[in-house]
Structure formats: structure tokens, C-alpha cells
């Protein structure tokens, strides 16, 4: 049974209001007030959901993620999703640290246990923010030491004047000797004076003699 002090501490850890807690558990704010004032105790399915939330908060990594999550526009729905995934698994898990960690890794492995080999799999019903966050964690692990300049998309810059002109760029439709796409990009202002640059950039393109471009 959760004491009034414990329930209040859980709410304070997440930095949320009584109204927010009420929305998570789909009860009235008055009920949450009665919990925290010691005038009532959580019972039934709500008690299990409260226990699931406690499991998330007790785990250091998930606690930090939940604190960030509740600040998002769809944080409420995402937190409800996590809680509803944990509740059915509680009966088959022990209260040991190992049991809790296995439970969390079962519920949301792509977030709880990130490795460079992690495969992102969006489970049925997973809120989009959770799937995106999982993808972010993997990409951060893989590319955290990479120079951001390496991700500049050259295809969005004219290879003649070196200027970015969204909506005014064209890409060569030709193929190289290895059967890959040419990818030469030019803006509409430079398209008629791009032949020399095109040949320099893609000397083996089959369209350098008779250019053929498509609008990007």
C-alpha cells in the first residue's frame, strides 16, 4: 500500500500536478488530493498502475526519461502507454532489481537498452514520440563523434554557383559507369552554363553530351 508521503514524492519527482496525475490514471483530481492528504488509498487497477509508475521512477535511467517525457505535448499518452505495458508483466516478475530491469527491457527495449546494433521496432500502439526518441538514442550513439558538417546535403546546393536554392534545383538523370546515379545538381540560373562543371564532377556520366535534368 502506498502512503500519502510516497505518492506525493512520486509526483514531485516527475514535476507534475495533481491534475496531471489524475489524467494519467483516469480519475478525478479530488481522488489524488485525498491520496496525498491520507484520506484515501489507491485500490484495484489504479493501485497496479501506481505500482507500475513507481517501477519506472525507481529505475534511474527510466526516471530521467520520464521527467523529460512529461514535458512533451504527447507526454501524457506516452506515459500511459508505458504504464499499461508494465502492469500485465508485473505478476510474472520478481521484485528484485534484475526482475525489474528485465521487465523494462521487455516493455521498451529500444529505449531502455540502446546499443549500436539495436533495431528499432515500433510496437503496436507505441506513440510516435517514443519511436522517434528510440531512433534518436541509436543515432546519437552511432554518430555522436561525427562532424555535423558531414551531414550537409550537397544535393541541396548548386554545384556551379555553390548556393542553396530550394525549389530551383535540378538533378542530372544520367548514370555513371558503375550504373549508379550521377546526382549532379544545378540551379535553374546555372543550368545552361553547367556543362564543364558537370563533366568535371561526373566525367563518366552518360548524359554529359546531352544533359537531362529533373526538378528536385
C-alpha atoms as a PDB file:
ATOM      1  CA  UNK A   1       0.000   0.000   0.000  1.00  0.00           C
ATOM      2  CA  UNK A   2       1.299   3.434  -0.952  1.00  0.00           C
ATOM      3  CA  UNK A   3       1.376   6.091   1.749  1.00  0.00           C
ATOM      4  CA  UNK A   4       0.383   9.704   1.179  1.00  0.00           C
ATOM      5  CA  UNK A   5       4.033  10.726   1.505  1.00  0.00           C
ATOM      6  CA  UNK A   6       5.166   8.195  -1.108  1.00  0.00           C
ATOM      7  CA  UNK A   7       2.528   9.273  -3.634  1.00  0.00           C
ATOM      8  CA  UNK A   8       3.443  12.926  -3.132  1.00  0.00           C
ATOM      9  CA  UNK A   9       7.141  12.127  -3.583  1.00  0.00           C
ATOM     10  CA  UNK A  10       6.449  10.307  -6.852  1.00  0.00           C
ATOM     11  CA  UNK A  11       4.533  13.284  -8.200  1.00  0.00           C
ATOM     12  CA  UNK A  12       7.235  15.738  -7.119  1.00  0.00           C
ATOM     13  CA  UNK A  13       9.955  13.642  -8.766  1.00  0.00           C
ATOM     14  CA  UNK A  14       8.187  13.941 -12.103  1.00  0.00           C
ATOM     15  CA  UNK A  15       7.356  17.585 -11.508  1.00  0.00           C
ATOM     16  CA  UNK A  16       3.659  17.202 -12.362  1.00  0.00           C
ATOM     17  CA  UNK A  17       0.428  18.481 -10.833  1.00  0.00           C
ATOM     18  CA  UNK A  18      -2.369  16.543  -9.145  1.00  0.00           C
ATOM     19  CA  UNK A  19      -4.477  17.189 -12.238  1.00  0.00           C
ATOM     20  CA  UNK A  20      -1.795  15.579 -14.413  1.00  0.00           C
ATOM     21  CA  UNK A  21      -1.669  12.526 -12.147  1.00  0.00           C
ATOM     22  CA  UNK A  22      -5.450  12.284 -12.331  1.00  0.00           C
ATOM     23  CA  UNK A  23      -5.325  12.280 -16.120  1.00  0.00           C
ATOM     24  CA  UNK A  24      -2.656   9.557 -16.146  1.00  0.00           C
ATOM     25  CA  UNK A  25      -4.806   7.229 -14.068  1.00  0.00           C
ATOM     26  CA  UNK A  26      -8.126   8.486 -15.479  1.00  0.00           C
ATOM     27  CA  UNK A  27      -9.522   9.510 -12.109  1.00  0.00           C
ATOM     28  CA  UNK A  28     -10.611  12.814 -10.589  1.00  0.00           C
ATOM     29  CA  UNK A  29      -8.103  15.351  -9.191  1.00  0.00           C
ATOM     30  CA  UNK A  30     -10.071  15.157  -5.942  1.00  0.00           C
ATOM     31  CA  UNK A  31      -9.100  11.489  -5.609  1.00  0.00           C
ATOM     32  CA  UNK A  32      -5.412  12.348  -5.974  1.00  0.00           C
ATOM     33  CA  UNK A  33      -5.840  15.054  -3.352  1.00  0.00           C
ATOM     34  CA  UNK A  34      -7.392  12.503  -0.989  1.00  0.00           C
ATOM     35  CA  UNK A  35      -4.459  10.130  -1.600  1.00  0.00           C
ATOM     36  CA  UNK A  36      -1.869  12.782  -0.771  1.00  0.00           C
ATOM     37  CA  UNK A  37      -3.776  14.004   2.273  1.00  0.00           C
ATOM     38  CA  UNK A  38      -4.056  10.455   3.631  1.00  0.00           C
ATOM     39  CA  UNK A  39      -7.860  10.401   3.426  1.00  0.00           C
ATOM     40  CA  UNK A  40      -7.958   7.559   0.875  1.00  0.00           C
ATOM     41  CA  UNK A  41      -5.751   4.801  -0.532  1.00  0.00           C
ATOM     42  CA  UNK A  42      -5.326   3.628  -4.141  1.00  0.00           C
ATOM     43  CA  UNK A  43      -7.180   0.372  -4.839  1.00  0.00           C
ATOM     44  CA  UNK A  44      -7.804  -2.100  -7.614  1.00  0.00           C
ATOM     45  CA  UNK A  45      -6.424  -1.442 -11.098  1.00  0.00           C
ATOM     46  CA  UNK A  46      -5.342   2.085 -10.158  1.00  0.00           C
ATOM     47  CA  UNK A  47      -3.139   0.651  -7.437  1.00  0.00           C
ATOM     48  CA  UNK A  48      -1.402  -1.572 -10.009  1.00  0.00           C
ATOM     49  CA  UNK A  49      -0.863   1.367 -12.339  1.00  0.00           C
ATOM     50  CA  UNK A  50       0.596   3.369  -9.469  1.00  0.00           C
ATOM     51  CA  UNK A  51       2.979   0.487  -8.796  1.00  0.00           C
ATOM     52  CA  UNK A  52       3.989   0.473 -12.482  1.00  0.00           C
ATOM     53  CA  UNK A  53       4.753   4.192 -12.281  1.00  0.00           C
ATOM     54  CA  UNK A  54       6.803   3.566  -9.151  1.00  0.00           C
ATOM     55  CA  UNK A  55       8.825   0.933 -11.054  1.00  0.00           C
ATOM     56  CA  UNK A  56       9.622   3.487 -13.751  1.00  0.00           C
ATOM     57  CA  UNK A  57      10.645   6.125 -11.224  1.00  0.00           C
ATOM     58  CA  UNK A  58      12.789   3.746  -9.187  1.00  0.00           C
ATOM     59  CA  UNK A  59      14.879   2.898 -12.261  1.00  0.00           C
ATOM     60  CA  UNK A  60      17.385   5.743 -12.635  1.00  0.00           C
ATOM     61  CA  UNK A  61      17.545   5.708 -16.429  1.00  0.00           C
ATOM     62  CA  UNK A  62      13.805   5.484 -16.957  1.00  0.00           C
ATOM     63  CA  UNK A  63      13.171   8.114 -14.272  1.00  0.00           C
ATOM     64  CA  UNK A  64      15.230  10.653 -16.215  1.00  0.00           C
ATOM     65  CA  UNK A  65      13.445   9.758 -19.439  1.00  0.00           C
ATOM     66  CA  UNK A  66      10.029  10.062 -17.787  1.00  0.00           C
ATOM     67  CA  UNK A  67      10.897  13.502 -16.405  1.00  0.00           C
ATOM     68  CA  UNK A  68      11.699  14.618 -19.950  1.00  0.00           C
ATOM     69  CA  UNK A  69       8.678  12.822 -21.336  1.00  0.00           C
ATOM     70  CA  UNK A  70       6.031  14.576 -19.218  1.00  0.00           C
ATOM     71  CA  UNK A  71       7.182  17.916 -20.629  1.00  0.00           C
ATOM     72  CA  UNK A  72       6.313  16.878 -24.174  1.00  0.00           C
ATOM     73  CA  UNK A  73       2.925  17.666 -25.775  1.00  0.00           C
ATOM     74  CA  UNK A  74       2.114  13.964 -26.017  1.00  0.00           C
ATOM     75  CA  UNK A  75       3.909  13.000 -22.815  1.00  0.00           C
ATOM     76  CA  UNK A  76       0.699  12.034 -21.019  1.00  0.00           C
ATOM     77  CA  UNK A  77      -0.274   9.463 -23.649  1.00  0.00           C
ATOM     78  CA  UNK A  78       3.276   8.123 -23.813  1.00  0.00           C
ATOM     79  CA  UNK A  79       3.490   7.671 -20.053  1.00  0.00           C
ATOM     80  CA  UNK A  80       0.099   5.940 -20.023  1.00  0.00           C
ATOM     81  CA  UNK A  81       1.404   3.605 -22.698  1.00  0.00           C
ATOM     82  CA  UNK A  82       4.445   2.654 -20.629  1.00  0.00           C
ATOM     83  CA  UNK A  83       2.357   2.078 -17.513  1.00  0.00           C
ATOM     84  CA  UNK A  84      -0.184  -0.053 -19.373  1.00  0.00           C
ATOM     85  CA  UNK A  85       2.632  -2.171 -20.824  1.00  0.00           C
ATOM     86  CA  UNK A  86       4.197  -2.810 -17.412  1.00  0.00           C
ATOM     87  CA  UNK A  87       1.016  -3.734 -15.485  1.00  0.00           C
ATOM     88  CA  UNK A  88       0.386  -7.099 -17.249  1.00  0.00           C
ATOM     89  CA  UNK A  89       4.027  -8.087 -16.738  1.00  0.00           C
ATOM     90  CA  UNK A  90       4.233  -7.372 -13.013  1.00  0.00           C
ATOM     91  CA  UNK A  91       2.679 -10.654 -11.930  1.00  0.00           C
ATOM     92  CA  UNK A  92       5.390 -12.707 -13.616  1.00  0.00           C
ATOM     93  CA  UNK A  93       8.333 -10.675 -12.363  1.00  0.00           C
ATOM     94  CA  UNK A  94      10.084 -10.644  -9.038  1.00  0.00           C
ATOM     95  CA  UNK A  95      10.688  -7.504  -7.051  1.00  0.00           C
ATOM     96  CA  UNK A  96      14.444  -7.821  -7.429  1.00  0.00           C
ATOM     97  CA  UNK A  97      16.472  -5.313  -9.393  1.00  0.00           C
ATOM     98  CA  UNK A  98      17.207  -7.916 -12.048  1.00  0.00           C
ATOM     99  CA  UNK A  99      13.500  -8.698 -12.359  1.00  0.00           C
ATOM    100  CA  UNK A 100      12.594  -5.036 -12.766  1.00  0.00           C
ATOM    101  CA  UNK A 101      15.300  -4.468 -15.366  1.00  0.00           C
ATOM    102  CA  UNK A 102      14.134  -7.490 -17.352  1.00  0.00           C
ATOM    103  CA  UNK A 103      10.604  -6.117 -17.216  1.00  0.00           C
ATOM    104  CA  UNK A 104      11.653  -2.716 -18.506  1.00  0.00           C
ATOM    105  CA  UNK A 105      13.760  -4.225 -21.266  1.00  0.00           C
ATOM    106  CA  UNK A 106      10.749  -6.347 -22.293  1.00  0.00           C
ATOM    107  CA  UNK A 107       8.417  -3.349 -22.311  1.00  0.00           C
ATOM    108  CA  UNK A 108      10.558  -0.958 -24.309  1.00  0.00           C
ATOM    109  CA  UNK A 109      13.915  -2.492 -25.285  1.00  0.00           C
ATOM    110  CA  UNK A 110      14.751   0.131 -27.912  1.00  0.00           C
ATOM    111  CA  UNK A 111      14.753   2.860 -25.253  1.00  0.00           C
ATOM    112  CA  UNK A 112      15.911   1.026 -22.144  1.00  0.00           C
ATOM    113  CA  UNK A 113      18.819  -0.860 -23.675  1.00  0.00           C
ATOM    114  CA  UNK A 114      20.477   1.003 -26.531  1.00  0.00           C
ATOM    115  CA  UNK A 115      23.393  -0.453 -28.445  1.00  0.00           C
ATOM    116  CA  UNK A 116      24.865   0.256 -31.875  1.00  0.00           C
ATOM    117  CA  UNK A 117      23.207  -2.919 -33.145  1.00  0.00           C
ATOM    118  CA  UNK A 118      19.746  -2.027 -31.853  1.00  0.00           C
ATOM    119  CA  UNK A 119      16.947  -2.498 -34.365  1.00  0.00           C
ATOM    120  CA  UNK A 120      14.131  -0.003 -33.972  1.00  0.00           C
ATOM    121  CA  UNK A 121      10.766  -1.747 -33.954  1.00  0.00           C
ATOM    122  CA  UNK A 122       7.678   0.322 -33.334  1.00  0.00           C
ATOM    123  CA  UNK A 123       5.254  -1.797 -31.334  1.00  0.00           C
ATOM    124  CA  UNK A 124       1.551  -1.646 -31.998  1.00  0.00           C
ATOM    125  CA  UNK A 125       0.164   1.365 -30.208  1.00  0.00           C
ATOM    126  CA  UNK A 126       3.517   2.963 -29.418  1.00  0.00           C
ATOM    127  CA  UNK A 127       3.171   6.752 -29.553  1.00  0.00           C
ATOM    128  CA  UNK A 128       5.195   8.363 -32.311  1.00  0.00           C
ATOM    129  CA  UNK A 129       7.282  10.346 -29.829  1.00  0.00           C
ATOM    130  CA  UNK A 130       8.561   7.147 -28.199  1.00  0.00           C
ATOM    131  CA  UNK A 131       9.581   5.611 -31.531  1.00  0.00           C
ATOM    132  CA  UNK A 132      11.306   8.847 -32.555  1.00  0.00           C
ATOM    133  CA  UNK A 133      13.089   9.066 -29.222  1.00  0.00           C
ATOM    134  CA  UNK A 134      14.327   5.485 -29.595  1.00  0.00           C
ATOM    135  CA  UNK A 135      15.648   6.324 -33.051  1.00  0.00           C
ATOM    136  CA  UNK A 136      17.343   9.430 -31.680  1.00  0.00           C
ATOM    137  CA  UNK A 137      19.127   7.404 -28.984  1.00  0.00           C
ATOM    138  CA  UNK A 138      20.501   4.971 -31.559  1.00  0.00           C
ATOM    139  CA  UNK A 139      21.602   7.703 -33.963  1.00  0.00           C
ATOM    140  CA  UNK A 140      23.229   9.647 -31.135  1.00  0.00           C
ATOM    141  CA  UNK A 141      25.223   6.560 -30.125  1.00  0.00           C
ATOM    142  CA  UNK A 142      26.304   5.899 -33.716  1.00  0.00           C
ATOM    143  CA  UNK A 143      27.124   9.438 -34.825  1.00  0.00           C
ATOM    144  CA  UNK A 144      27.961  11.382 -31.642  1.00  0.00           C
ATOM    145  CA  UNK A 145      31.612  11.744 -32.715  1.00  0.00           C
ATOM    146  CA  UNK A 146      30.843  12.684 -36.314  1.00  0.00           C
ATOM    147  CA  UNK A 147      31.417  16.193 -37.621  1.00  0.00           C
ATOM    148  CA  UNK A 148      27.987  17.783 -38.265  1.00  0.00           C
ATOM    149  CA  UNK A 149      29.362  19.246 -41.497  1.00  0.00           C
ATOM    150  CA  UNK A 150      29.490  15.705 -42.844  1.00  0.00           C
ATOM    151  CA  UNK A 151      25.690  15.623 -42.883  1.00  0.00           C
ATOM    152  CA  UNK A 152      25.239  18.677 -45.124  1.00  0.00           C
ATOM    153  CA  UNK A 153      23.253  17.534 -48.120  1.00  0.00           C
ATOM    154  CA  UNK A 154      25.258  18.500 -51.179  1.00  0.00           C
ATOM    155  CA  UNK A 155      22.220  17.777 -53.342  1.00  0.00           C
ATOM    156  CA  UNK A 156      20.537  20.865 -51.953  1.00  0.00           C
ATOM    157  CA  UNK A 157      23.334  23.117 -53.246  1.00  0.00           C
ATOM    158  CA  UNK A 158      24.037  24.093 -56.833  1.00  0.00           C
ATOM    159  CA  UNK A 159      27.402  22.587 -57.827  1.00  0.00           C
ATOM    160  CA  UNK A 160      28.131  25.538 -60.094  1.00  0.00           C
ATOM    161  CA  UNK A 161      27.381  28.647 -58.007  1.00  0.00           C
ATOM    162  CA  UNK A 162      27.531  26.758 -54.659  1.00  0.00           C
ATOM    163  CA  UNK A 163      24.306  28.393 -53.482  1.00  0.00           C
ATOM    164  CA  UNK A 164      21.334  26.735 -51.856  1.00  0.00           C
ATOM    165  CA  UNK A 165      18.197  27.472 -53.848  1.00  0.00           C
ATOM    166  CA  UNK A 166      15.270  25.390 -52.577  1.00  0.00           C
ATOM    167  CA  UNK A 167      12.682  24.861 -55.277  1.00  0.00           C
ATOM    168  CA  UNK A 168      15.049  25.943 -58.043  1.00  0.00           C
ATOM    169  CA  UNK A 169      17.341  22.931 -58.232  1.00  0.00           C
ATOM    170  CA  UNK A 170      17.644  20.219 -60.865  1.00  0.00           C
ATOM    171  CA  UNK A 171      19.352  16.825 -60.724  1.00  0.00           C
ATOM    172  CA  UNK A 172      21.017  15.013 -63.608  1.00  0.00           C
ATOM    173  CA  UNK A 173      19.165  11.825 -64.554  1.00  0.00           C
ATOM    174  CA  UNK A 174      22.218  10.174 -66.061  1.00  0.00           C
ATOM    175  CA  UNK A 175      24.102   7.103 -64.893  1.00  0.00           C
ATOM    176  CA  UNK A 176      27.769   6.549 -64.206  1.00  0.00           C
ATOM    177  CA  UNK A 177      29.904   3.709 -65.493  1.00  0.00           C
ATOM    178  CA  UNK A 178      29.199   1.671 -62.362  1.00  0.00           C
ATOM    179  CA  UNK A 179      25.445   2.023 -63.094  1.00  0.00           C
ATOM    180  CA  UNK A 180      24.925   4.381 -60.118  1.00  0.00           C
ATOM    181  CA  UNK A 181      23.040   7.664 -60.474  1.00  0.00           C
ATOM    182  CA  UNK A 182      25.004  10.739 -61.464  1.00  0.00           C
ATOM    183  CA  UNK A 183      23.402  13.049 -58.920  1.00  0.00           C
ATOM    184  CA  UNK A 184      24.891  16.244 -60.360  1.00  0.00           C
ATOM    185  CA  UNK A 185      22.823  19.186 -59.097  1.00  0.00           C
ATOM    186  CA  UNK A 186      22.460  22.611 -60.637  1.00  0.00           C
ATOM    187  CA  UNK A 187      20.137  25.568 -60.099  1.00  0.00           C
ATOM    188  CA  UNK A 188      17.934  26.952 -62.863  1.00  0.00           C
ATOM    189  CA  UNK A 189      20.159  30.032 -63.154  1.00  0.00           C
ATOM    190  CA  UNK A 190      23.259  27.951 -63.909  1.00  0.00           C
ATOM    191  CA  UNK A 191      21.750  25.096 -65.874  1.00  0.00           C
ATOM    192  CA  UNK A 192      22.867  26.435 -69.284  1.00  0.00           C
ATOM    193  CA  UNK A 193      26.462  27.002 -68.205  1.00  0.00           C
ATOM    194  CA  UNK A 194      26.946  23.828 -66.213  1.00  0.00           C
ATOM    195  CA  UNK A 195      28.419  21.538 -68.884  1.00  0.00           C
ATOM    196  CA  UNK A 196      32.082  21.997 -67.924  1.00  0.00           C
ATOM    197  CA  UNK A 197      31.390  21.608 -64.210  1.00  0.00           C
ATOM    198  CA  UNK A 198      29.178  18.590 -64.934  1.00  0.00           C
ATOM    199  CA  UNK A 199      31.964  16.878 -66.886  1.00  0.00           C
ATOM    200  CA  UNK A 200      34.464  17.684 -64.134  1.00  0.00           C
ATOM    201  CA  UNK A 201      32.220  16.349 -61.377  1.00  0.00           C
ATOM    202  CA  UNK A 202      30.955  13.299 -63.294  1.00  0.00           C
ATOM    203  CA  UNK A 203      33.290  12.610 -66.238  1.00  0.00           C
ATOM    204  CA  UNK A 204      31.769   9.197 -66.935  1.00  0.00           C
ATOM    205  CA  UNK A 205      28.117  10.300 -66.823  1.00  0.00           C
ATOM    206  CA  UNK A 206      26.213   9.179 -69.922  1.00  0.00           C
ATOM    207  CA  UNK A 207      24.327  12.496 -70.040  1.00  0.00           C
ATOM    208  CA  UNK A 208      27.209  14.977 -70.221  1.00  0.00           C
ATOM    209  CA  UNK A 209      26.923  15.303 -74.008  1.00  0.00           C
ATOM    210  CA  UNK A 210      23.139  15.676 -73.988  1.00  0.00           C
ATOM    211  CA  UNK A 211      22.144  16.886 -70.482  1.00  0.00           C
ATOM    212  CA  UNK A 212      18.938  15.608 -68.964  1.00  0.00           C
ATOM    213  CA  UNK A 213      17.728  17.077 -65.685  1.00  0.00           C
ATOM    214  CA  UNK A 214      14.761  16.552 -63.390  1.00  0.00           C
ATOM    215  CA  UNK A 215      13.364  19.088 -60.939  1.00  0.00           C
ATOM    216  CA  UNK A 216      14.139  18.340 -57.293  1.00  0.00           C
END
